[in-house]
């Protein structure tokens, strides 16, 4: 039986297709701006970026006034892209390192003001996700904010396998596909697709994991979708996704 390709192999092979300095990918429009919005005021704050990829979101955070960014990602090529961009742009307050989010513990600080995980947990099992959430909780200052995004749990079962975003659920249903890996693709506006994957979880799993990790306040939850502004900007690209729930954003405080 063939072993599935590792996430690191997937992203090492397509790192250049993720590198960008402006909105290119579907989720650059539908999800990432909402992460900045949810974080709120970040001026002079230290931010932890789990699953930072090639640094697109962290560069946005620095531009918005963050004091420092520390990003980790399991893909060596994505980290190399992030480091190169930081050097070219003279972002001396950005630091990136290769590492597995579940086992990594070489943090430059003992506490961060805020933390993000933008489409990281869809690559982890429920158990791995809970471990990372526990780590985030231990690294946040009292009252610190954690924002993360994931593909909407219902999306694989609602859309056919067509552009510009889908996951293959095979013969699995919403409840019997738990912890199963669904392969998928998400498109750039220039027509280039990139491979993505989702280890399927239900809404309940995200709430349970946050509780087990020590977050004791109710998270804010937003279901993200194509908006009227997106449709007006590029109707051909965004129209196939009109009315579908694409992603979910969670925001939770590290209250004592």
Protein backbone atom coordinates (compact mmCIF):
# COMPACT_ATOMS: atom_id res chain seq x y z
CA UNK A 1 0.00 0.00 0.00
CA UNK A 2 1.41 3.38 -0.97
CA UNK A 3 2.08 5.81 1.85
CA UNK A 4 0.49 9.24 1.44
CA UNK A 5 2.81 12.07 0.47
CA UNK A 6 3.88 14.08 3.50
CA UNK A 7 2.65 17.63 3.98
CA UNK A 8 6.28 18.79 3.96
CA UNK A 9 6.83 17.19 0.53
CA UNK A 10 3.71 18.85 -0.87
CA UNK A 11 4.71 22.31 0.30
CA UNK A 12 8.40 21.98 -0.51
CA UNK A 13 7.41 21.17 -4.10
CA UNK A 14 5.01 24.08 -4.54
CA UNK A 15 6.59 26.76 -2.34
CA UNK A 16 7.11 29.17 -5.23
CA UNK A 17 3.38 29.03 -6.06
CA UNK A 18 2.61 30.27 -2.54
CA UNK A 19 5.12 33.12 -2.58
CA UNK A 20 3.33 36.42 -3.07
CA UNK A 21 3.36 40.05 -1.98
CA UNK A 22 -0.29 40.74 -2.74
CA UNK A 23 -3.60 38.88 -2.74
CA UNK A 24 -3.39 35.97 -5.16
CA UNK A 25 -4.94 32.88 -3.57
CA UNK A 26 -8.66 32.53 -2.96
CA UNK A 27 -8.12 32.50 0.81
CA UNK A 28 -6.05 35.70 0.59
CA UNK A 29 -9.39 37.37 -0.09
CA UNK A 30 -11.82 35.25 1.89
CA UNK A 31 -9.85 34.42 5.07
CA UNK A 32 -6.51 36.10 5.74
CA UNK A 33 -7.79 39.70 5.94
CA UNK A 34 -10.29 38.49 8.53
CA UNK A 35 -7.43 37.20 10.67
CA UNK A 36 -5.95 40.69 10.90
CA UNK A 37 -9.38 42.09 11.63
CA UNK A 38 -9.92 39.57 14.46
CA UNK A 39 -6.53 40.27 16.04
CA UNK A 40 -7.44 43.92 16.53
CA UNK A 41 -4.74 46.26 17.82
CA UNK A 42 -1.28 44.74 17.37
CA UNK A 43 1.00 47.79 17.61
CA UNK A 44 4.18 46.96 19.54
CA UNK A 45 3.04 43.39 20.19
CA UNK A 46 4.96 40.13 19.84
CA UNK A 47 3.10 37.61 17.71
CA UNK A 48 3.56 33.87 17.28
CA UNK A 49 2.72 32.43 13.86
CA UNK A 50 2.21 28.65 13.86
CA UNK A 51 2.29 27.22 10.33
CA UNK A 52 3.58 30.50 8.92
CA UNK A 53 4.20 29.20 5.41
CA UNK A 54 6.20 31.66 3.31
CA UNK A 55 5.37 34.51 5.68
CA UNK A 56 2.57 36.29 3.83
CA UNK A 57 0.38 36.90 6.88
CA UNK A 58 3.27 37.77 9.17
CA UNK A 59 4.48 40.40 6.69
CA UNK A 60 0.98 41.90 6.79
CA UNK A 61 1.13 41.95 10.60
CA UNK A 62 4.48 43.72 10.63
CA UNK A 63 3.19 46.27 8.16
CA UNK A 64 0.25 46.83 10.53
CA UNK A 65 2.59 47.63 13.41
CA UNK A 66 3.49 44.38 15.16
CA UNK A 67 6.70 44.60 17.22
CA UNK A 68 7.97 41.15 16.23
CA UNK A 69 6.93 37.95 14.52
CA UNK A 70 8.18 34.45 15.23
CA UNK A 71 7.01 31.93 12.65
CA UNK A 72 7.50 28.19 12.40
CA UNK A 73 6.58 25.83 9.58
CA UNK A 74 7.42 22.21 8.78
CA UNK A 75 8.32 23.00 5.15
CA UNK A 76 11.99 23.93 4.72
CA UNK A 77 11.27 25.54 1.35
CA UNK A 78 8.45 27.69 2.70
CA UNK A 79 10.69 28.84 5.55
CA UNK A 80 13.45 29.61 3.07
CA UNK A 81 11.01 31.78 1.10
CA UNK A 82 9.93 33.57 4.30
CA UNK A 83 13.52 34.23 5.34
CA UNK A 84 14.48 35.50 1.89
CA UNK A 85 11.53 37.88 1.75
CA UNK A 86 12.24 39.16 5.27
CA UNK A 87 15.84 39.86 4.29
CA UNK A 88 14.90 41.59 1.04
CA UNK A 89 12.32 43.75 2.80
CA UNK A 90 14.65 44.39 5.77
CA UNK A 91 12.15 42.98 8.24
CA UNK A 92 14.66 42.52 11.03
CA UNK A 93 11.89 41.89 13.55
CA UNK A 94 10.72 38.77 11.68
CA UNK A 95 12.20 35.39 12.58
CA UNK A 96 11.32 32.11 10.87
CA UNK A 97 12.41 28.58 11.60
CA UNK A 98 11.64 25.09 10.33
CA UNK A 99 9.86 22.91 12.84
CA UNK A 100 6.96 20.60 13.57
CA UNK A 101 4.27 22.56 15.43
CA UNK A 102 3.46 19.56 17.62
CA UNK A 103 6.98 18.93 18.93
CA UNK A 104 8.74 22.29 18.51
CA UNK A 105 9.83 23.98 21.76
CA UNK A 106 12.69 26.33 20.84
CA UNK A 107 10.79 29.58 21.27
CA UNK A 108 12.70 32.88 21.56
CA UNK A 109 10.26 34.19 24.16
CA UNK A 110 8.33 32.65 27.05
CA UNK A 111 5.26 34.77 26.34
CA UNK A 112 3.62 36.30 23.27
CA UNK A 113 0.85 38.89 23.09
CA UNK A 114 -1.03 37.11 20.34
CA UNK A 115 -0.82 33.91 18.32
CA UNK A 116 -2.21 32.79 14.98
CA UNK A 117 -2.52 29.48 13.14
CA UNK A 118 -3.78 30.16 9.63
CA UNK A 119 -4.84 26.86 8.05
CA UNK A 120 -2.54 24.75 10.19
CA UNK A 121 -4.97 22.50 12.04
CA UNK A 122 -6.37 21.02 8.85
CA UNK A 123 -3.02 19.23 8.52
CA UNK A 124 -3.10 17.77 12.04
CA UNK A 125 -5.09 15.05 13.73
CA UNK A 126 -7.44 15.97 16.57
CA UNK A 127 -4.85 14.80 19.08
CA UNK A 128 -2.03 16.79 17.45
CA UNK A 129 -4.21 19.88 17.21
CA UNK A 130 -5.01 19.68 20.92
CA UNK A 131 -1.29 19.47 21.75
CA UNK A 132 -0.56 22.58 19.68
CA UNK A 133 -3.46 24.47 21.25
CA UNK A 134 -2.09 23.59 24.72
CA UNK A 135 1.30 24.94 23.66
CA UNK A 136 -0.27 28.16 22.39
CA UNK A 137 -2.16 28.57 25.67
CA UNK A 138 1.07 28.23 27.67
CA UNK A 139 2.84 30.82 25.50
CA UNK A 140 0.22 33.55 25.59
CA UNK A 141 0.25 36.37 28.11
CA UNK A 142 -2.81 36.59 30.39
CA UNK A 143 -5.56 38.01 28.21
CA UNK A 144 -3.63 37.19 25.05
CA UNK A 145 -5.53 36.39 21.86
CA UNK A 146 -5.38 33.27 19.71
CA UNK A 147 -6.89 33.38 16.21
CA UNK A 148 -6.97 30.41 13.86
CA UNK A 149 -8.66 29.48 10.62
CA UNK A 150 -9.62 26.10 9.18
CA UNK A 151 -11.58 24.93 6.15
CA UNK A 152 -15.27 24.78 6.94
CA UNK A 153 -16.05 21.23 8.11
CA UNK A 154 -19.09 21.03 5.84
CA UNK A 155 -17.44 22.24 2.64
CA UNK A 156 -16.11 18.86 1.39
CA UNK A 157 -19.63 17.44 1.49
CA UNK A 158 -21.33 20.41 -0.18
CA UNK A 159 -19.27 21.07 -3.31
CA UNK A 160 -18.29 18.99 -6.31
CA UNK A 161 -14.59 18.63 -7.01
CA UNK A 162 -14.36 21.73 -9.17
CA UNK A 163 -12.40 25.02 -9.05
CA UNK A 164 -11.69 27.24 -7.29
CA UNK A 165 -11.77 25.23 -4.02
CA UNK A 166 -12.66 21.69 -3.04
CA UNK A 167 -11.73 18.67 -0.94
CA UNK A 168 -12.21 15.03 -1.92
CA UNK A 169 -14.19 13.19 0.74
CA UNK A 170 -14.53 9.95 -1.21
CA UNK A 171 -17.16 7.71 0.38
CA UNK A 172 -16.80 9.32 3.81
CA UNK A 173 -19.63 11.23 5.44
CA UNK A 174 -19.43 14.16 7.85
CA UNK A 175 -19.45 11.85 10.87
CA UNK A 176 -17.53 8.81 9.62
CA UNK A 177 -14.70 10.83 8.03
CA UNK A 178 -13.31 12.10 11.35
CA UNK A 179 -9.50 12.23 11.45
CA UNK A 180 -9.43 11.12 7.82
CA UNK A 181 -7.32 13.09 5.33
CA UNK A 182 -9.16 14.71 2.43
CA UNK A 183 -6.95 15.93 -0.41
CA UNK A 184 -7.96 19.12 -2.18
CA UNK A 185 -6.98 22.12 -4.25
CA UNK A 186 -7.38 25.85 -3.91
CA UNK A 187 -6.87 28.19 -6.85
CA UNK A 188 -5.00 31.42 -7.44
CA UNK A 189 -6.70 34.15 -9.47
CA UNK A 190 -4.21 33.55 -12.28
CA UNK A 191 -5.53 30.02 -12.69
CA UNK A 192 -2.73 28.17 -10.91
CA UNK A 193 -3.98 25.58 -8.39
CA UNK A 194 -2.08 24.58 -5.25
CA UNK A 195 -2.60 21.35 -3.36
CA UNK A 196 -4.11 21.49 0.11
CA UNK A 197 -5.43 18.88 2.50
CA UNK A 198 -7.81 18.62 5.39
CA UNK A 199 -7.77 16.16 8.27
CA UNK A 200 -11.51 16.23 8.85
CA UNK A 201 -12.95 17.36 12.16
CA UNK A 202 -16.42 18.44 13.23
CA UNK A 203 -17.19 21.74 14.96
CA UNK A 204 -17.39 19.89 18.26
CA UNK A 205 -13.77 18.79 17.98
CA UNK A 206 -12.51 22.37 17.80
CA UNK A 207 -14.48 23.38 20.89
CA UNK A 208 -13.40 20.27 22.81
CA UNK A 209 -9.74 20.76 21.90
CA UNK A 210 -9.77 24.39 23.06
CA UNK A 211 -11.29 23.35 26.38
CA UNK A 212 -8.76 20.55 26.86
CA UNK A 213 -5.96 22.99 26.02
CA UNK A 214 -6.98 25.25 28.90
CA UNK A 215 -8.93 27.98 27.14
CA UNK A 216 -11.81 28.62 29.51
CA UNK A 217 -13.77 31.29 27.63
CA UNK A 218 -16.17 30.82 24.76
CA UNK A 219 -14.46 31.49 21.41
CA UNK A 220 -15.86 33.85 18.84
CA UNK A 221 -16.68 31.89 15.69
CA UNK A 222 -17.15 33.30 12.21
CA UNK A 223 -18.06 31.34 9.11
CA UNK A 224 -16.24 32.91 6.17
CA UNK A 225 -17.53 33.06 2.63
CA UNK A 226 -17.41 34.99 -0.62
CA UNK A 227 -18.83 38.49 -0.14
CA UNK A 228 -20.55 40.93 -2.46
CA UNK A 229 -17.27 42.87 -2.68
CA UNK A 230 -15.48 39.76 -3.91
CA UNK A 231 -18.19 39.14 -6.51
CA UNK A 232 -18.01 42.72 -7.75
CA UNK A 233 -14.21 42.58 -7.93
CA UNK A 234 -13.94 39.33 -9.94
CA UNK A 235 -17.30 37.68 -10.64
CA UNK A 236 -15.85 34.95 -12.85
CA UNK A 237 -13.45 33.74 -10.16
CA UNK A 238 -15.67 34.06 -7.07
CA UNK A 239 -19.15 33.24 -8.43
CA UNK A 240 -18.75 29.42 -8.29
CA UNK A 241 -18.39 29.72 -4.50
CA UNK A 242 -21.28 32.08 -3.85
CA UNK A 243 -23.34 30.90 -0.89
CA UNK A 244 -20.91 28.23 0.29
CA UNK A 245 -19.26 28.25 3.74
CA UNK A 246 -15.54 28.17 2.89
CA UNK A 247 -13.64 28.62 6.14
CA UNK A 248 -14.15 29.07 9.86
CA UNK A 249 -12.33 31.61 12.03
CA UNK A 250 -11.98 31.05 15.77
CA UNK A 251 -10.89 33.76 18.20
CA UNK A 252 -10.29 32.95 21.84
CA UNK A 253 -8.75 34.72 24.84
CA UNK A 254 -6.23 33.20 27.26
CA UNK A 255 -8.10 34.18 30.40
CA UNK A 256 -6.84 32.96 33.75
